[in-house]
Amino acid sequence: MTKSDENRLTGRQTKALPHFAASLSIEGACKAANISKETFYNWIKEPLFKAELERLRNEIVDDAVNQLKISTTKAAETLVSLLDREDRPAIQRAAANDILSHVMKFMELKEIEVRLQTLEAAHNPGGKYEI
């Protein structure tokens, strides 16, 4: 294997990656990718394969979070509309509690964010952080 080959995934690895990124089990992904578990465990030791798998998994999570963000307005409208269910006081009460809980949580997070920014500014006036 040449040095440039170490910087590339094989065709088999490239074809197998989506199965591992989306599968709930290694066994299921191996079966779908038509490879042995031993092959997977050898591949996962390779930094490039591991990094690409992590990138694909993060992409899946990002897509799911974006779908939730898009649905936030509809979810809020649904909760608010439940407040008008005069035929079911228990539903009204639950919706009201949910709305108040979510608003309180949001306010707490905003307060923590402001406090954190204040602490960061006091600790590092230049504003440059290296991670």
Foldseek 3Di string as FASTA:
>chain_A
DDPVVLVDDDPLLVQLLVLLLPDPDLVRSCVVSVHDSVVVVVQCVRPNSVVVSVVSNVVVVVVVVVVVVVCVVVVLVVLVVQCVPPVDVVSNVVSVVVVVVVVVVVVVVVVVVVVVVVVQCVVDVVPDDDD
